[in-house]
Amino acid sequence: MEERSVFARRLQAAREARCVSQKQLGILAGIDQFVASARINQYERGKHVPDLQTAQRLAAELNVPVSYLYEPDDDLAKLIRLLGECSRDQLHQLIIQLETA
């Protein structure tokens, strides 16, 4: 059996963490309500990959950076997700700390 893509796994994990159905997510992201569930299901199974604009809308609805959905390294993906929750000021302070470390 072929392993699902990084995007497929991360999309499903982020959706489940937000406790929304495939149909709800699709509709929130602007996908027609009559195909929303099937489309998200195809993305999560790795059968299809959305274009970047759709991926950005999905990420926005899931409150994760779009780069989180594509990052293959689990630790880096977690860091991207956590950084996405930071304010601009917090990010700036972290950048300064990392650059001076």
C-alpha atoms as a PDB file:
ATOM      1  CA  MET A   1       0.000   0.000   0.000  1.00  0.00           C
ATOM      2  CA  GLU A   2       1.330   3.417  -0.969  1.00  0.00           C
ATOM      3  CA  GLU A   3       1.916   5.914   1.843  1.00  0.00           C
ATOM      4  CA  ARG A   4      -0.202   9.058   1.726  1.00  0.00           C
ATOM      5  CA  SER A   5       1.490  12.323   0.871  1.00  0.00           C
ATOM      6  CA  VAL A   6       2.705  14.705   3.545  1.00  0.00           C
ATOM      7  CA  PHE A   7       0.001  17.164   2.474  1.00  0.00           C
ATOM      8  CA  ALA A   8      -2.725  14.520   2.839  1.00  0.00           C
ATOM      9  CA  ARG A   9      -1.608  13.497   6.336  1.00  0.00           C
ATOM     10  CA  ARG A  10      -1.148  17.043   7.624  1.00  0.00           C
ATOM     11  CA  LEU A  11      -4.458  18.239   6.179  1.00  0.00           C
ATOM     12  CA  GLN A  12      -6.339  15.441   7.923  1.00  0.00           C
ATOM     13  CA  ALA A  13      -4.500  15.986  11.218  1.00  0.00           C
ATOM     14  CA  ALA A  14      -5.160  19.742  11.161  1.00  0.00           C
ATOM     15  CA  ARG A  15      -8.818  19.223  10.254  1.00  0.00           C
ATOM     16  CA  GLU A  16      -9.342  16.682  13.022  1.00  0.00           C
ATOM     17  CA  ALA A  17      -7.576  18.954  15.532  1.00  0.00           C
ATOM     18  CA  ARG A  18     -10.125  21.673  14.652  1.00  0.00           C
ATOM     19  CA  CYS A  19     -13.005  19.175  14.991  1.00  0.00           C
ATOM     20  CA  VAL A  20     -14.561  19.986  11.625  1.00  0.00           C
ATOM     21  CA  SER A  21     -15.930  17.530   9.096  1.00  0.00           C
ATOM     22  CA  GLN A  22     -14.559  17.215   5.593  1.00  0.00           C
ATOM     23  CA  LYS A  23     -17.707  18.844   4.257  1.00  0.00           C
ATOM     24  CA  GLN A  24     -17.542  21.736   6.732  1.00  0.00           C
ATOM     25  CA  LEU A  25     -13.909  22.431   5.867  1.00  0.00           C
ATOM     26  CA  GLY A  26     -14.584  22.338   2.157  1.00  0.00           C
ATOM     27  CA  ILE A  27     -17.489  24.752   2.423  1.00  0.00           C
ATOM     28  CA  LEU A  28     -15.525  27.122   4.691  1.00  0.00           C
ATOM     29  CA  ALA A  29     -12.697  27.088   2.135  1.00  0.00           C
ATOM     30  CA  GLY A  30     -15.073  28.065  -0.667  1.00  0.00           C
ATOM     31  CA  ILE A  31     -15.626  24.684  -2.293  1.00  0.00           C
ATOM     32  CA  ASP A  32     -19.139  24.056  -3.616  1.00  0.00           C
ATOM     33  CA  GLN A  33     -21.215  22.404  -0.891  1.00  0.00           C
ATOM     34  CA  PHE A  34     -22.273  19.557  -3.168  1.00  0.00           C
ATOM     35  CA  VAL A  35     -18.681  18.376  -3.745  1.00  0.00           C
ATOM     36  CA  ALA A  36     -16.968  19.707  -0.599  1.00  0.00           C
ATOM     37  CA  SER A  37     -16.850  16.423   1.303  1.00  0.00           C
ATOM     38  CA  ALA A  38     -15.669  14.384  -1.687  1.00  0.00           C
ATOM     39  CA  ARG A  39     -13.000  16.933  -2.599  1.00  0.00           C
ATOM     40  CA  ILE A  40     -11.506  17.080   0.908  1.00  0.00           C
ATOM     41  CA  ASN A  41     -11.656  13.285   1.076  1.00  0.00           C
ATOM     42  CA  GLN A  42      -9.645  13.075  -2.142  1.00  0.00           C
ATOM     43  CA  TYR A  43      -7.077  15.527  -0.754  1.00  0.00           C
ATOM     44  CA  GLU A  44      -6.776  13.554   2.489  1.00  0.00           C
ATOM     45  CA  ARG A  45      -6.402  10.247   0.660  1.00  0.00           C
ATOM     46  CA  GLY A  46      -3.685  11.759  -1.527  1.00  0.00           C
ATOM     47  CA  LYS A  47      -5.651  11.076  -4.702  1.00  0.00           C
ATOM     48  CA  HIS A  48      -5.575  14.771  -5.655  1.00  0.00           C
ATOM     49  CA  VAL A  49      -3.557  17.786  -4.501  1.00  0.00           C
ATOM     50  CA  PRO A  50      -5.185  21.214  -4.395  1.00  0.00           C
ATOM     51  CA  ASP A  51      -3.701  24.182  -6.203  1.00  0.00           C
ATOM     52  CA  LEU A  52      -1.818  26.653  -4.016  1.00  0.00           C
ATOM     53  CA  GLN A  53      -4.736  29.075  -3.737  1.00  0.00           C
ATOM     54  CA  THR A  54      -7.040  26.325  -2.463  1.00  0.00           C
ATOM     55  CA  ALA A  55      -4.336  25.065  -0.087  1.00  0.00           C
ATOM     56  CA  GLN A  56      -3.980  28.608   1.277  1.00  0.00           C
ATOM     57  CA  ARG A  57      -7.734  28.836   1.895  1.00  0.00           C
ATOM     58  CA  LEU A  58      -7.736  25.432   3.611  1.00  0.00           C
ATOM     59  CA  ALA A  59      -4.790  26.436   5.806  1.00  0.00           C
ATOM     60  CA  ALA A  60      -6.469  29.724   6.708  1.00  0.00           C
ATOM     61  CA  GLU A  61      -9.644  27.915   7.777  1.00  0.00           C
ATOM     62  CA  LEU A  62      -7.560  25.465   9.835  1.00  0.00           C
ATOM     63  CA  ASN A  63      -5.507  28.296  11.386  1.00  0.00           C
ATOM     64  CA  VAL A  64      -2.196  26.802  10.260  1.00  0.00           C
ATOM     65  CA  PRO A  65       0.468  28.257   7.965  1.00  0.00           C
ATOM     66  CA  VAL A  66       0.197  26.772   4.483  1.00  0.00           C
ATOM     67  CA  SER A  67       3.848  25.686   4.737  1.00  0.00           C
ATOM     68  CA  TYR A  68       2.843  23.388   7.620  1.00  0.00           C
ATOM     69  CA  LEU A  69       0.752  21.341   5.190  1.00  0.00           C
ATOM     70  CA  TYR A  70       3.767  20.709   2.944  1.00  0.00           C
ATOM     71  CA  GLU A  71       6.648  20.278   5.427  1.00  0.00           C
ATOM     72  CA  PRO A  72       7.884  16.653   5.407  1.00  0.00           C
ATOM     73  CA  ASP A  73       9.890  16.845   8.655  1.00  0.00           C
ATOM     74  CA  ASP A  74       7.570  16.293  11.641  1.00  0.00           C
ATOM     75  CA  ASP A  75       9.585  18.419  14.073  1.00  0.00           C
ATOM     76  CA  LEU A  76       9.904  21.297  11.644  1.00  0.00           C
ATOM     77  CA  ALA A  77       6.186  21.032  10.828  1.00  0.00           C
ATOM     78  CA  LYS A  78       5.356  21.282  14.530  1.00  0.00           C
ATOM     79  CA  LEU A  79       7.613  24.315  14.845  1.00  0.00           C
ATOM     80  CA  ILE A  80       5.957  25.944  11.812  1.00  0.00           C
ATOM     81  CA  ARG A  81       2.534  25.326  13.328  1.00  0.00           C
ATOM     82  CA  LEU A  82       3.587  26.804  16.670  1.00  0.00           C
ATOM     83  CA  LEU A  83       5.215  29.814  15.013  1.00  0.00           C
ATOM     84  CA  GLY A  84       1.998  30.388  13.107  1.00  0.00           C
ATOM     85  CA  GLU A  85       0.268  30.950  16.446  1.00  0.00           C
ATOM     86  CA  CYS A  86       2.726  33.688  17.482  1.00  0.00           C
ATOM     87  CA  SER A  87       2.117  37.394  17.177  1.00  0.00           C
ATOM     88  CA  ARG A  88       4.371  39.504  14.913  1.00  0.00           C
ATOM     89  CA  ASP A  89       6.148  40.830  18.005  1.00  0.00           C
ATOM     90  CA  GLN A  90       6.759  37.320  19.327  1.00  0.00           C
ATOM     91  CA  LEU A  91       8.120  36.224  15.935  1.00  0.00           C
ATOM     92  CA  HIS A  92      10.421  39.222  15.794  1.00  0.00           C
ATOM     93  CA  GLN A  93      11.759  38.475  19.282  1.00  0.00           C
ATOM     94  CA  LEU A  94      12.331  34.813  18.385  1.00  0.00           C
ATOM     95  CA  ILE A  95      14.210  35.811  15.246  1.00  0.00           C
ATOM     96  CA  ILE A  96      16.460  38.108  17.242  1.00  0.00           C
ATOM     97  CA  GLN A  97      17.114  35.370  19.816  1.00  0.00           C
ATOM     98  CA  LEU A  98      17.930  32.799  17.144  1.00  0.00           C
ATOM     99  CA  GLU A  99      20.192  35.143  15.213  1.00  0.00           C
ATOM    100  CA  THR A 100      22.194  35.983  18.339  1.00  0.00           C
ATOM    101  CA  ALA A 101      22.395  32.408  19.661  1.00  0.00           C
END
